[in-house]
Amino acid sequence: MIPSANLEEVKLSKIECKRCGHSWFKSKGEESHVCPVCSTPYMEDEATNVIRKN
């Protein structure tokens, strides 16, 4: 342990992608725009199967 080190408190928050189910921690102030696993920017929305008519 370094006695003269100035340590800051780090707050982590857990994020979960509702599309693929992957969860991870991010630091406070760190922006997270895409899921690191499925690379979707729509992590807040659940995956839906859409049947489109031709």
PDB file of N, CA and C in Angstrom:
ATOM      1  N   MET A   1       0.838  -1.174   0.000  1.00  0.00           N
ATOM      2  CA  MET A   1       0.000   0.000   0.000  1.00  0.00           C
ATOM      3  C   MET A   1       0.879   1.231   0.000  1.00  0.00           C
ATOM      4  N   ILE A   2       0.515   2.191  -0.793  1.00  0.00           N
ATOM      5  CA  ILE A   2       1.266   3.434  -0.896  1.00  0.00           C
ATOM      6  C   ILE A   2       0.635   4.457   0.054  1.00  0.00           C
ATOM      7  N   PRO A   3       1.367   4.898   1.075  1.00  0.00           N
ATOM      8  CA  PRO A   3       0.760   5.791   2.063  1.00  0.00           C
ATOM      9  C   PRO A   3       0.436   7.186   1.524  1.00  0.00           C
ATOM     10  N   SER A   4       1.130   7.654   0.515  1.00  0.00           N
ATOM     11  CA  SER A   4       0.895   9.010   0.023  1.00  0.00           C
ATOM     12  C   SER A   4      -0.072   9.050  -1.160  1.00  0.00           C
ATOM     13  N   ALA A   5      -0.663   7.927  -1.532  1.00  0.00           N
ATOM     14  CA  ALA A   5      -1.568   7.882  -2.681  1.00  0.00           C
ATOM     15  C   ALA A   5      -2.909   8.518  -2.307  1.00  0.00           C
ATOM     16  N   ASN A   6      -3.440   9.290  -3.232  1.00  0.00           N
ATOM     17  CA  ASN A   6      -4.744   9.906  -3.045  1.00  0.00           C
ATOM     18  C   ASN A   6      -5.761   9.071  -3.821  1.00  0.00           C
ATOM     19  N   LEU A   7      -6.525   8.258  -3.112  1.00  0.00           N
ATOM     20  CA  LEU A   7      -7.470   7.371  -3.757  1.00  0.00           C
ATOM     21  C   LEU A   7      -8.842   8.024  -3.809  1.00  0.00           C
ATOM     22  N   GLU A   8      -9.489   7.905  -4.962  1.00  0.00           N
ATOM     23  CA  GLU A   8     -10.833   8.433  -5.115  1.00  0.00           C
ATOM     24  C   GLU A   8     -11.830   7.285  -5.065  1.00  0.00           C
ATOM     25  N   GLU A   9     -12.999   7.577  -4.596  1.00  0.00           N
ATOM     26  CA  GLU A   9     -14.055   6.572  -4.555  1.00  0.00           C
ATOM     27  C   GLU A   9     -14.643   6.432  -5.956  1.00  0.00           C
ATOM     28  N   VAL A  10     -14.735   5.208  -6.416  1.00  0.00           N
ATOM     29  CA  VAL A  10     -15.262   4.937  -7.750  1.00  0.00           C
ATOM     30  C   VAL A  10     -16.633   4.295  -7.590  1.00  0.00           C
ATOM     31  N   LYS A  11     -17.629   4.891  -8.257  1.00  0.00           N
ATOM     32  CA  LYS A  11     -18.971   4.341  -8.198  1.00  0.00           C
ATOM     33  C   LYS A  11     -19.264   3.637  -9.512  1.00  0.00           C
ATOM     34  N   LEU A  12     -19.734   2.405  -9.410  1.00  0.00           N
ATOM     35  CA  LEU A  12     -20.048   1.605 -10.587  1.00  0.00           C
ATOM     36  C   LEU A  12     -21.552   1.410 -10.669  1.00  0.00           C
ATOM     37  N   SER A  13     -22.044   1.375 -11.881  1.00  0.00           N
ATOM     38  CA  SER A  13     -23.452   1.048 -12.073  1.00  0.00           C
ATOM     39  C   SER A  13     -23.554  -0.102 -13.060  1.00  0.00           C
ATOM     40  N   LYS A  14     -24.539  -0.952 -12.837  1.00  0.00           N
ATOM     41  CA  LYS A  14     -24.700  -2.140 -13.671  1.00  0.00           C
ATOM     42  C   LYS A  14     -25.654  -1.820 -14.812  1.00  0.00           C
ATOM     43  N   ILE A  15     -25.273  -2.220 -16.010  1.00  0.00           N
ATOM     44  CA  ILE A  15     -26.083  -2.027 -17.208  1.00  0.00           C
ATOM     45  C   ILE A  15     -26.392  -3.404 -17.770  1.00  0.00           C
ATOM     46  N   GLU A  16     -27.602  -3.570 -18.270  1.00  0.00           N
ATOM     47  CA  GLU A  16     -27.969  -4.826 -18.910  1.00  0.00           C
ATOM     48  C   GLU A  16     -28.602  -4.533 -20.258  1.00  0.00           C
ATOM     49  N   CYS A  17     -28.138  -5.237 -21.284  1.00  0.00           N
ATOM     50  CA  CYS A  17     -28.707  -5.119 -22.617  1.00  0.00           C
ATOM     51  C   CYS A  17     -29.948  -5.993 -22.658  1.00  0.00           C
ATOM     52  N   LYS A  18     -31.096  -5.396 -22.967  1.00  0.00           N
ATOM     53  CA  LYS A  18     -32.339  -6.155 -23.002  1.00  0.00           C
ATOM     54  C   LYS A  18     -32.472  -6.963 -24.283  1.00  0.00           C
ATOM     55  N   ARG A  19     -31.603  -6.713 -25.249  1.00  0.00           N
ATOM     56  CA  ARG A  19     -31.655  -7.487 -26.498  1.00  0.00           C
ATOM     57  C   ARG A  19     -30.944  -8.825 -26.360  1.00  0.00           C
ATOM     58  N   CYS A  20     -29.694  -8.814 -25.858  1.00  0.00           N
ATOM     59  CA  CYS A  20     -28.937 -10.074 -25.782  1.00  0.00           C
ATOM     60  C   CYS A  20     -28.793 -10.596 -24.354  1.00  0.00           C
ATOM     61  N   GLY A  21     -29.120  -9.776 -23.339  1.00  0.00           N
ATOM     62  CA  GLY A  21     -29.056 -10.228 -21.958  1.00  0.00           C
ATOM     63  C   GLY A  21     -27.712 -10.038 -21.289  1.00  0.00           C
ATOM     64  N   HIS A  22     -26.715  -9.508 -22.008  1.00  0.00           N
ATOM     65  CA  HIS A  22     -25.390  -9.288 -21.431  1.00  0.00           C
ATOM     66  C   HIS A  22     -25.452  -8.161 -20.413  1.00  0.00           C
ATOM     67  N   SER A  23     -24.758  -8.308 -19.288  1.00  0.00           N
ATOM     68  CA  SER A  23     -24.703  -7.244 -18.295  1.00  0.00           C
ATOM     69  C   SER A  23     -23.244  -6.948 -17.966  1.00  0.00           C
ATOM     70  N   TRP A  24     -22.966  -5.679 -17.634  1.00  0.00           N
ATOM     71  CA  TRP A  24     -21.617  -5.239 -17.314  1.00  0.00           C
ATOM     72  C   TRP A  24     -21.697  -4.026 -16.411  1.00  0.00           C
ATOM     73  N   PHE A  25     -20.571  -3.649 -15.833  1.00  0.00           N
ATOM     74  CA  PHE A  25     -20.492  -2.495 -14.952  1.00  0.00           C
ATOM     75  C   PHE A  25     -19.808  -1.347 -15.681  1.00  0.00           C
ATOM     76  N   LYS A  26     -20.270  -0.124 -15.419  1.00  0.00           N
ATOM     77  CA  LYS A  26     -19.617   1.051 -15.979  1.00  0.00           C
ATOM     78  C   LYS A  26     -19.329   2.020 -14.850  1.00  0.00           C
ATOM     79  N   SER A  27     -18.297   2.829 -15.032  1.00  0.00           N
ATOM     80  CA  SER A  27     -17.931   3.837 -14.047  1.00  0.00           C
ATOM     81  C   SER A  27     -18.858   5.032 -14.154  1.00  0.00           C
ATOM     82  N   LYS A  28     -18.995   5.755 -13.069  1.00  0.00           N
ATOM     83  CA  LYS A  28     -19.816   6.957 -13.076  1.00  0.00           C
ATOM     84  C   LYS A  28     -19.191   7.965 -14.033  1.00  0.00           C
ATOM     85  N   GLY A  29     -20.002   8.554 -14.893  1.00  0.00           N
ATOM     86  CA  GLY A  29     -19.522   9.527 -15.857  1.00  0.00           C
ATOM     87  C   GLY A  29     -19.134   8.917 -17.189  1.00  0.00           C
ATOM     88  N   GLU A  30     -18.988   7.608 -17.238  1.00  0.00           N
ATOM     89  CA  GLU A  30     -18.629   6.920 -18.482  1.00  0.00           C
ATOM     90  C   GLU A  30     -19.889   6.706 -19.306  1.00  0.00           C
ATOM     91  N   GLU A  31     -19.876   7.144 -20.543  1.00  0.00           N
ATOM     92  CA  GLU A  31     -21.028   6.991 -21.425  1.00  0.00           C
ATOM     93  C   GLU A  31     -21.026   5.593 -22.042  1.00  0.00           C
ATOM     94  N   SER A  32     -22.190   4.996 -22.134  1.00  0.00           N
ATOM     95  CA  SER A  32     -22.321   3.698 -22.772  1.00  0.00           C
ATOM     96  C   SER A  32     -23.423   3.808 -23.814  1.00  0.00           C
ATOM     97  N   HIS A  33     -23.044   3.748 -25.079  1.00  0.00           N
ATOM     98  CA  HIS A  33     -24.002   3.937 -26.153  1.00  0.00           C
ATOM     99  C   HIS A  33     -24.334   2.645 -26.886  1.00  0.00           C
ATOM    100  N   VAL A  34     -23.467   1.654 -26.809  1.00  0.00           N
ATOM    101  CA  VAL A  34     -23.710   0.388 -27.491  1.00  0.00           C
ATOM    102  C   VAL A  34     -23.325  -0.768 -26.569  1.00  0.00           C
ATOM    103  N   CYS A  35     -23.980  -1.896 -26.791  1.00  0.00           N
ATOM    104  CA  CYS A  35     -23.660  -3.111 -26.048  1.00  0.00           C
ATOM    105  C   CYS A  35     -22.330  -3.653 -26.563  1.00  0.00           C
ATOM    106  N   PRO A  36     -21.398  -4.014 -25.677  1.00  0.00           N
ATOM    107  CA  PRO A  36     -20.105  -4.537 -26.136  1.00  0.00           C
ATOM    108  C   PRO A  36     -20.185  -5.926 -26.757  1.00  0.00           C
ATOM    109  N   VAL A  37     -21.291  -6.659 -26.567  1.00  0.00           N
ATOM    110  CA  VAL A  37     -21.414  -8.001 -27.117  1.00  0.00           C
ATOM    111  C   VAL A  37     -22.136  -7.997 -28.461  1.00  0.00           C
ATOM    112  N   CYS A  38     -23.357  -7.446 -28.488  1.00  0.00           N
ATOM    113  CA  CYS A  38     -24.148  -7.503 -29.721  1.00  0.00           C
ATOM    114  C   CYS A  38     -24.070  -6.210 -30.530  1.00  0.00           C
ATOM    115  N   SER A  39     -23.413  -5.197 -30.001  1.00  0.00           N
ATOM    116  CA  SER A  39     -23.159  -3.916 -30.676  1.00  0.00           C
ATOM    117  C   SER A  39     -24.423  -3.155 -31.064  1.00  0.00           C
ATOM    118  N   THR A  40     -25.516  -3.393 -30.365  1.00  0.00           N
ATOM    119  CA  THR A  40     -26.731  -2.663 -30.666  1.00  0.00           C
ATOM    120  C   THR A  40     -26.769  -1.349 -29.884  1.00  0.00           C
ATOM    121  N   PRO A  41     -27.202  -0.270 -30.504  1.00  0.00           N
ATOM    122  CA  PRO A  41     -27.389   0.976 -29.757  1.00  0.00           C
ATOM    123  C   PRO A  41     -28.752   1.027 -29.059  1.00  0.00           C
ATOM    124  N   TYR A  42     -29.582  -0.003 -29.251  1.00  0.00           N
ATOM    125  CA  TYR A  42     -30.927  -0.051 -28.694  1.00  0.00           C
ATOM    126  C   TYR A  42     -30.988  -0.998 -27.498  1.00  0.00           C
ATOM    127  N   MET A  43     -30.122  -0.792 -26.521  1.00  0.00           N
ATOM    128  CA  MET A  43     -30.039  -1.672 -25.360  1.00  0.00           C
ATOM    129  C   MET A  43     -31.278  -1.584 -24.487  1.00  0.00           C
ATOM    130  N   GLU A  44     -31.983  -0.467 -24.518  1.00  0.00           N
ATOM    131  CA  GLU A  44     -33.150  -0.256 -23.679  1.00  0.00           C
ATOM    132  C   GLU A  44     -34.368  -1.002 -24.204  1.00  0.00           C
ATOM    133  N   ASP A  45     -34.393  -1.307 -25.501  1.00  0.00           N
ATOM    134  CA  ASP A  45     -35.558  -1.933 -26.121  1.00  0.00           C
ATOM    135  C   ASP A  45     -35.359  -3.437 -26.231  1.00  0.00           C
ATOM    136  N   GLU A  46     -36.412  -4.174 -25.933  1.00  0.00           N
ATOM    137  CA  GLU A  46     -36.341  -5.614 -26.096  1.00  0.00           C
ATOM    138  C   GLU A  46     -36.410  -5.977 -27.566  1.00  0.00           C
ATOM    139  N   ALA A  47     -35.821  -7.087 -27.915  1.00  0.00           N
ATOM    140  CA  ALA A  47     -35.832  -7.547 -29.296  1.00  0.00           C
ATOM    141  C   ALA A  47     -37.245  -7.972 -29.673  1.00  0.00           C
ATOM    142  N   THR A  48     -37.643  -7.621 -30.868  1.00  0.00           N
ATOM    143  CA  THR A  48     -38.969  -8.007 -31.335  1.00  0.00           C
ATOM    144  C   THR A  48     -38.827  -8.664 -32.696  1.00  0.00           C
ATOM    145  N   ASN A  49     -39.690  -9.612 -32.947  1.00  0.00           N
ATOM    146  CA  ASN A  49     -39.728 -10.252 -34.259  1.00  0.00           C
ATOM    147  C   ASN A  49     -40.841  -9.589 -35.050  1.00  0.00           C
ATOM    148  N   VAL A  50     -40.465  -8.930 -36.122  1.00  0.00           N
ATOM    149  CA  VAL A  50     -41.435  -8.203 -36.922  1.00  0.00           C
ATOM    150  C   VAL A  50     -41.633  -8.946 -38.237  1.00  0.00           C
ATOM    151  N   ILE A  51     -42.877  -9.255 -38.534  1.00  0.00           N
ATOM    152  CA  ILE A  51     -43.190  -9.900 -39.807  1.00  0.00           C
ATOM    153  C   ILE A  51     -43.698  -8.800 -40.744  1.00  0.00           C
ATOM    154  N   ARG A  52     -42.975  -8.559 -41.795  1.00  0.00           N
ATOM    155  CA  ARG A  52     -43.329  -7.507 -42.738  1.00  0.00           C
ATOM    156  C   ARG A  52     -44.007  -8.089 -43.960  1.00  0.00           C
ATOM    157  N   LYS A  53     -45.028  -7.415 -44.415  1.00  0.00           N
ATOM    158  CA  LYS A  53     -45.726  -7.844 -45.621  1.00  0.00           C
ATOM    159  C   LYS A  53     -45.056  -7.222 -46.825  1.00  0.00           C
ATOM    160  N   ASN A  54     -44.977  -7.986 -47.919  1.00  0.00           N
ATOM    161  CA  ASN A  54     -44.361  -7.481 -49.147  1.00  0.00           C
ATOM    162  C   ASN A  54     -45.303  -6.657 -49.938  1.00  0.00           C
TER     163      ASN A  54
END
